[in-house]
């Protein structure tokens, strides 16, 4: 079992809240899919809706702040506006020690 550090879960929780808030406020989506994938080397959270996005949409302060937080953890937060809205946050898990084992704390 892989355990993810609490501070990384904090970013994932913030991403989920931001995405769901944006769906409720700005989208006419009827469906939202949330996928969490954890391996020994990464954690990936993706949130996709089937709503519409304005053609002149620009990332607001919430998304930009999350992108900075992800980068500070050597991760990424990307967005796609094709066929709805897709937000994907990927955070690497650190290796600990010289034996190529991964952080399980």
N, C-alpha and C. Protein backbone atom coordinates (compact mmCIF):
# COMPACT_ATOMS: atom_id res chain seq x y z
N UNK A 1 0.83 -1.17 0.00
CA UNK A 1 0.00 0.00 0.00
C UNK A 1 0.88 1.24 0.00
N UNK A 2 0.54 2.21 -0.84
CA UNK A 2 1.28 3.46 -0.94
C UNK A 2 0.55 4.51 -0.12
N UNK A 3 1.28 5.17 0.77
CA UNK A 3 0.70 6.26 1.55
C UNK A 3 1.24 7.58 1.02
N UNK A 4 0.33 8.52 0.76
CA UNK A 4 0.69 9.82 0.20
C UNK A 4 0.78 10.82 1.35
N UNK A 5 1.83 11.64 1.40
CA UNK A 5 1.96 12.63 2.47
C UNK A 5 0.75 13.57 2.53
N UNK A 6 0.40 13.99 3.73
CA UNK A 6 -0.79 14.81 3.95
C UNK A 6 -0.74 16.12 3.17
N UNK A 7 0.42 16.75 3.06
CA UNK A 7 0.48 18.03 2.35
C UNK A 7 0.16 17.86 0.85
N UNK A 8 0.43 16.69 0.30
CA UNK A 8 0.07 16.45 -1.10
C UNK A 8 -1.44 16.20 -1.23
N UNK A 9 -2.03 15.53 -0.25
CA UNK A 9 -3.49 15.37 -0.25
C UNK A 9 -4.17 16.73 -0.16
N UNK A 10 -3.53 17.67 0.55
CA UNK A 10 -4.10 19.02 0.66
C UNK A 10 -4.24 19.68 -0.69
N UNK A 11 -3.26 19.52 -1.56
CA UNK A 11 -3.35 20.08 -2.91
C UNK A 11 -4.43 19.36 -3.72
N UNK A 12 -4.48 18.04 -3.63
CA UNK A 12 -5.50 17.29 -4.37
C UNK A 12 -6.90 17.68 -3.93
N UNK A 13 -7.10 17.87 -2.64
CA UNK A 13 -8.40 18.30 -2.13
C UNK A 13 -8.77 19.68 -2.66
N UNK A 14 -7.80 20.60 -2.68
CA UNK A 14 -8.06 21.93 -3.20
C UNK A 14 -8.40 21.89 -4.69
N UNK A 15 -7.74 21.02 -5.45
CA UNK A 15 -8.05 20.87 -6.88
C UNK A 15 -9.48 20.37 -7.07
N UNK A 16 -9.86 19.38 -6.29
CA UNK A 16 -11.21 18.84 -6.39
C UNK A 16 -12.25 19.90 -6.05
N UNK A 17 -12.03 20.64 -4.97
CA UNK A 17 -12.97 21.70 -4.58
C UNK A 17 -13.08 22.77 -5.65
N UNK A 18 -11.94 23.20 -6.19
CA UNK A 18 -11.95 24.24 -7.22
C UNK A 18 -12.69 23.77 -8.47
N UNK A 19 -12.42 22.55 -8.90
CA UNK A 19 -13.07 22.03 -10.10
C UNK A 19 -14.58 21.92 -9.90
N UNK A 20 -15.01 21.38 -8.76
CA UNK A 20 -16.44 21.22 -8.52
C UNK A 20 -17.13 22.57 -8.33
N UNK A 21 -16.46 23.52 -7.71
CA UNK A 21 -17.01 24.87 -7.58
C UNK A 21 -17.18 25.50 -8.95
N UNK A 22 -16.19 25.35 -9.82
CA UNK A 22 -16.28 25.91 -11.16
C UNK A 22 -17.39 25.26 -11.97
N UNK A 23 -17.60 23.97 -11.79
CA UNK A 23 -18.69 23.29 -12.48
C UNK A 23 -20.02 23.90 -12.02
N UNK A 24 -20.18 24.05 -10.72
CA UNK A 24 -21.44 24.57 -10.18
C UNK A 24 -21.69 26.02 -10.59
N UNK A 25 -20.66 26.83 -10.67
CA UNK A 25 -20.83 28.26 -10.96
C UNK A 25 -20.84 28.61 -12.44
N UNK A 26 -20.05 27.90 -13.24
CA UNK A 26 -19.80 28.37 -14.60
C UNK A 26 -20.20 27.40 -15.71
N UNK A 27 -20.64 26.22 -15.37
CA UNK A 27 -20.88 25.20 -16.39
C UNK A 27 -22.32 24.72 -16.32
N UNK A 28 -22.81 24.27 -17.43
CA UNK A 28 -24.14 23.64 -17.43
C UNK A 28 -23.99 22.12 -17.50
N UNK A 29 -22.96 21.61 -16.88
CA UNK A 29 -22.66 20.18 -16.94
C UNK A 29 -23.76 19.35 -16.27
N UNK A 30 -23.97 18.18 -16.83
CA UNK A 30 -24.90 17.22 -16.24
C UNK A 30 -24.16 16.01 -15.67
N UNK A 31 -22.84 15.98 -15.90
CA UNK A 31 -22.04 14.84 -15.43
C UNK A 31 -20.63 15.32 -15.09
N UNK A 32 -20.10 14.80 -13.98
CA UNK A 32 -18.71 15.06 -13.60
C UNK A 32 -18.09 13.73 -13.23
N UNK A 33 -16.95 13.43 -13.85
CA UNK A 33 -16.21 12.21 -13.54
C UNK A 33 -14.93 12.59 -12.79
N UNK A 34 -14.70 11.91 -11.67
CA UNK A 34 -13.50 12.14 -10.87
C UNK A 34 -12.73 10.82 -10.83
N UNK A 35 -11.43 10.89 -11.16
CA UNK A 35 -10.58 9.71 -11.16
C UNK A 35 -9.32 10.00 -10.36
N UNK A 36 -9.01 9.13 -9.42
CA UNK A 36 -7.79 9.25 -8.64
C UNK A 36 -6.96 7.99 -8.89
N UNK A 37 -5.73 8.20 -9.32
CA UNK A 37 -4.83 7.08 -9.63
C UNK A 37 -3.55 7.27 -8.83
N UNK A 38 -3.21 6.28 -8.01
CA UNK A 38 -2.01 6.35 -7.17
C UNK A 38 -1.12 5.17 -7.52
N UNK A 39 0.14 5.49 -7.84
CA UNK A 39 1.15 4.45 -8.04
C UNK A 39 2.27 4.71 -7.05
N UNK A 40 3.31 3.92 -7.11
CA UNK A 40 4.43 4.16 -6.20
C UNK A 40 5.21 5.41 -6.57
N UNK A 41 5.01 5.94 -7.78
CA UNK A 41 5.79 7.11 -8.19
C UNK A 41 4.97 8.39 -8.39
N UNK A 42 3.66 8.28 -8.61
CA UNK A 42 2.84 9.48 -8.83
C UNK A 42 1.46 9.34 -8.21
N UNK A 43 0.83 10.50 -8.05
CA UNK A 43 -0.60 10.58 -7.75
C UNK A 43 -1.19 11.44 -8.85
N UNK A 44 -2.26 10.95 -9.49
CA UNK A 44 -2.92 11.72 -10.56
C UNK A 44 -4.40 11.84 -10.25
N UNK A 45 -4.89 13.07 -10.22
CA UNK A 45 -6.30 13.37 -10.03
C UNK A 45 -6.81 14.01 -11.30
N UNK A 46 -7.87 13.46 -11.86
CA UNK A 46 -8.48 14.09 -13.03
C UNK A 46 -9.97 14.29 -12.77
N UNK A 47 -10.45 15.46 -13.17
CA UNK A 47 -11.86 15.81 -13.03
C UNK A 47 -12.32 16.29 -14.40
N UNK A 48 -13.33 15.64 -14.95
CA UNK A 48 -13.86 16.00 -16.27
C UNK A 48 -15.37 16.21 -16.15
N UNK A 49 -15.84 17.29 -16.81
CA UNK A 49 -17.29 17.50 -16.89
C UNK A 49 -17.70 17.58 -18.35
N UNK A 50 -18.99 17.53 -18.58
CA UNK A 50 -19.51 17.58 -19.95
C UNK A 50 -20.17 18.92 -20.24
N UNK A 51 -19.83 19.94 -19.50
CA UNK A 51 -20.42 21.26 -19.67
C UNK A 51 -19.78 22.04 -20.81
N UNK A 52 -20.24 23.26 -20.95
CA UNK A 52 -19.70 24.15 -21.96
C UNK A 52 -18.76 25.15 -21.31
N UNK A 53 -17.77 25.57 -22.07
CA UNK A 53 -16.79 26.54 -21.61
C UNK A 53 -16.83 27.71 -22.57
N UNK A 54 -16.87 28.93 -22.04
CA UNK A 54 -16.87 30.12 -22.89
C UNK A 54 -15.60 30.15 -23.74
N UNK A 55 -15.75 30.62 -24.99
CA UNK A 55 -14.60 30.65 -25.89
C UNK A 55 -13.49 31.55 -25.38
N UNK A 56 -13.84 32.61 -24.67
CA UNK A 56 -12.82 33.53 -24.17
C UNK A 56 -12.42 33.23 -22.73
N UNK A 57 -12.63 31.98 -22.29
CA UNK A 57 -12.31 31.59 -20.91
C UNK A 57 -10.83 31.72 -20.64
N UNK A 58 -10.51 32.25 -19.48
CA UNK A 58 -9.13 32.30 -19.01
C UNK A 58 -9.10 31.77 -17.59
N UNK A 59 -8.01 31.13 -17.23
CA UNK A 59 -7.88 30.59 -15.88
C UNK A 59 -7.94 31.73 -14.86
N UNK A 60 -8.74 31.52 -13.82
CA UNK A 60 -8.86 32.51 -12.76
C UNK A 60 -7.78 32.32 -11.71
N UNK A 61 -7.88 33.11 -10.66
CA UNK A 61 -6.85 33.07 -9.62
C UNK A 61 -6.80 31.72 -8.90
N UNK A 62 -7.95 31.03 -8.78
CA UNK A 62 -7.95 29.72 -8.12
C UNK A 62 -7.14 28.70 -8.89
N UNK A 63 -7.37 28.61 -10.18
CA UNK A 63 -6.62 27.66 -11.03
C UNK A 63 -5.14 28.04 -11.06
N UNK A 64 -4.85 29.32 -11.25
CA UNK A 64 -3.44 29.75 -11.31
C UNK A 64 -2.72 29.44 -10.00
N UNK A 65 -3.37 29.65 -8.87
CA UNK A 65 -2.77 29.34 -7.58
C UNK A 65 -2.49 27.84 -7.44
N UNK A 66 -3.42 27.02 -7.90
CA UNK A 66 -3.22 25.57 -7.84
C UNK A 66 -2.08 25.13 -8.75
N UNK A 67 -1.94 25.78 -9.90
CA UNK A 67 -0.83 25.45 -10.79
C UNK A 67 0.51 25.76 -10.11
N UNK A 68 0.58 26.88 -9.42
CA UNK A 68 1.81 27.22 -8.70
C UNK A 68 2.10 26.23 -7.58
N UNK A 69 1.07 25.84 -6.85
CA UNK A 69 1.26 24.86 -5.77
C UNK A 69 1.74 23.53 -6.32
N UNK A 70 1.16 23.10 -7.44
CA UNK A 70 1.58 21.83 -8.05
C UNK A 70 3.04 21.91 -8.49
N UNK A 71 3.42 23.02 -9.12
CA UNK A 71 4.82 23.19 -9.56
C UNK A 71 5.78 23.18 -8.38
N UNK A 72 5.34 23.74 -7.23
CA UNK A 72 6.22 23.78 -6.06
C UNK A 72 6.50 22.37 -5.53
N UNK A 73 5.67 21.40 -5.93
CA UNK A 73 5.87 20.00 -5.54
C UNK A 73 6.46 19.19 -6.69
N UNK A 74 6.99 19.89 -7.70
CA UNK A 74 7.52 19.28 -8.92
C UNK A 74 6.44 18.53 -9.70
N UNK A 75 5.20 18.98 -9.54
CA UNK A 75 4.08 18.38 -10.25
C UNK A 75 3.55 19.32 -11.31
N UNK A 76 2.35 19.01 -11.78
CA UNK A 76 1.73 19.85 -12.81
C UNK A 76 0.22 19.84 -12.64
N UNK A 77 -0.39 20.90 -13.13
CA UNK A 77 -1.84 20.98 -13.20
C UNK A 77 -2.15 21.48 -14.60
N UNK A 78 -2.84 20.66 -15.38
CA UNK A 78 -3.15 21.02 -16.75
C UNK A 78 -4.65 21.04 -16.97
N UNK A 79 -5.04 21.76 -18.01
CA UNK A 79 -6.46 21.97 -18.31
C UNK A 79 -6.69 21.75 -19.80
N UNK A 80 -7.81 21.13 -20.11
CA UNK A 80 -8.27 21.00 -21.50
C UNK A 80 -9.72 21.45 -21.55
N UNK A 81 -10.09 22.16 -22.61
CA UNK A 81 -11.46 22.63 -22.76
C UNK A 81 -12.17 21.94 -23.93
N UNK A 82 -11.65 20.83 -24.38
CA UNK A 82 -12.30 20.08 -25.46
C UNK A 82 -13.33 19.14 -24.87
N UNK A 83 -14.52 19.14 -25.43
CA UNK A 83 -15.61 18.26 -24.98
C UNK A 83 -15.87 18.41 -23.49
N UNK A 84 -16.07 19.63 -23.05
CA UNK A 84 -16.26 19.91 -21.63
C UNK A 84 -14.99 20.49 -21.05
N UNK A 85 -14.79 20.27 -19.79
CA UNK A 85 -13.63 20.82 -19.09
C UNK A 85 -12.92 19.68 -18.38
N UNK A 86 -11.61 19.62 -18.53
CA UNK A 86 -10.80 18.58 -17.90
C UNK A 86 -9.67 19.24 -17.13
N UNK A 87 -9.55 18.89 -15.86
CA UNK A 87 -8.46 19.35 -15.01
C UNK A 87 -7.70 18.11 -14.55
N UNK A 88 -6.38 18.11 -14.73
CA UNK A 88 -5.54 16.97 -14.33
C UNK A 88 -4.38 17.49 -13.48
N UNK A 89 -4.27 16.96 -12.28
CA UNK A 89 -3.17 17.30 -11.38
C UNK A 89 -2.32 16.05 -11.18
N UNK A 90 -1.02 16.16 -11.45
CA UNK A 90 -0.09 15.05 -11.28
C UNK A 90 1.00 15.50 -10.31
N UNK A 91 1.20 14.69 -9.26
CA UNK A 91 2.21 15.00 -8.25
C UNK A 91 3.11 13.79 -8.09
N UNK A 92 4.43 13.99 -8.21
CA UNK A 92 5.34 12.85 -8.01
C UNK A 92 5.49 12.54 -6.52
N UNK A 93 5.77 11.29 -6.24
CA UNK A 93 6.10 10.86 -4.88
C UNK A 93 7.61 10.72 -4.81
N UNK A 94 8.19 11.12 -3.69
CA UNK A 94 9.64 11.15 -3.55
C UNK A 94 10.21 9.77 -3.27
N UNK A 95 11.39 9.56 -3.80
CA UNK A 95 12.16 8.38 -3.43
C UNK A 95 12.89 8.68 -2.14
N UNK A 96 13.01 7.68 -1.29
CA UNK A 96 13.72 7.84 -0.02
C UNK A 96 14.83 6.81 0.07
N UNK A 97 16.01 7.25 0.46
CA UNK A 97 17.12 6.32 0.65
C UNK A 97 17.81 5.96 -0.64
N UNK A 98 18.77 5.05 -0.54
CA UNK A 98 19.57 4.64 -1.69
C UNK A 98 19.06 3.38 -2.36
N UNK A 99 18.02 2.76 -1.80
CA UNK A 99 17.59 1.46 -2.32
C UNK A 99 16.40 1.59 -3.30
N UNK A 100 16.17 2.80 -3.81
CA UNK A 100 15.09 3.05 -4.76
C UNK A 100 13.71 2.76 -4.19
N UNK A 101 13.58 2.71 -2.88
CA UNK A 101 12.25 2.58 -2.31
C UNK A 101 11.57 3.93 -2.29
N UNK A 102 10.25 3.95 -2.22
CA UNK A 102 9.51 5.19 -2.26
C UNK A 102 8.99 5.54 -0.89
N UNK A 103 8.75 6.83 -0.72
CA UNK A 103 8.21 7.34 0.54
C UNK A 103 6.84 6.73 0.79
N UNK A 104 6.68 6.06 1.88
CA UNK A 104 5.41 5.42 2.23
C UNK A 104 4.84 6.00 3.52
N UNK A 105 5.26 7.21 3.84
CA UNK A 105 4.74 7.86 5.05
C UNK A 105 3.55 8.70 4.74
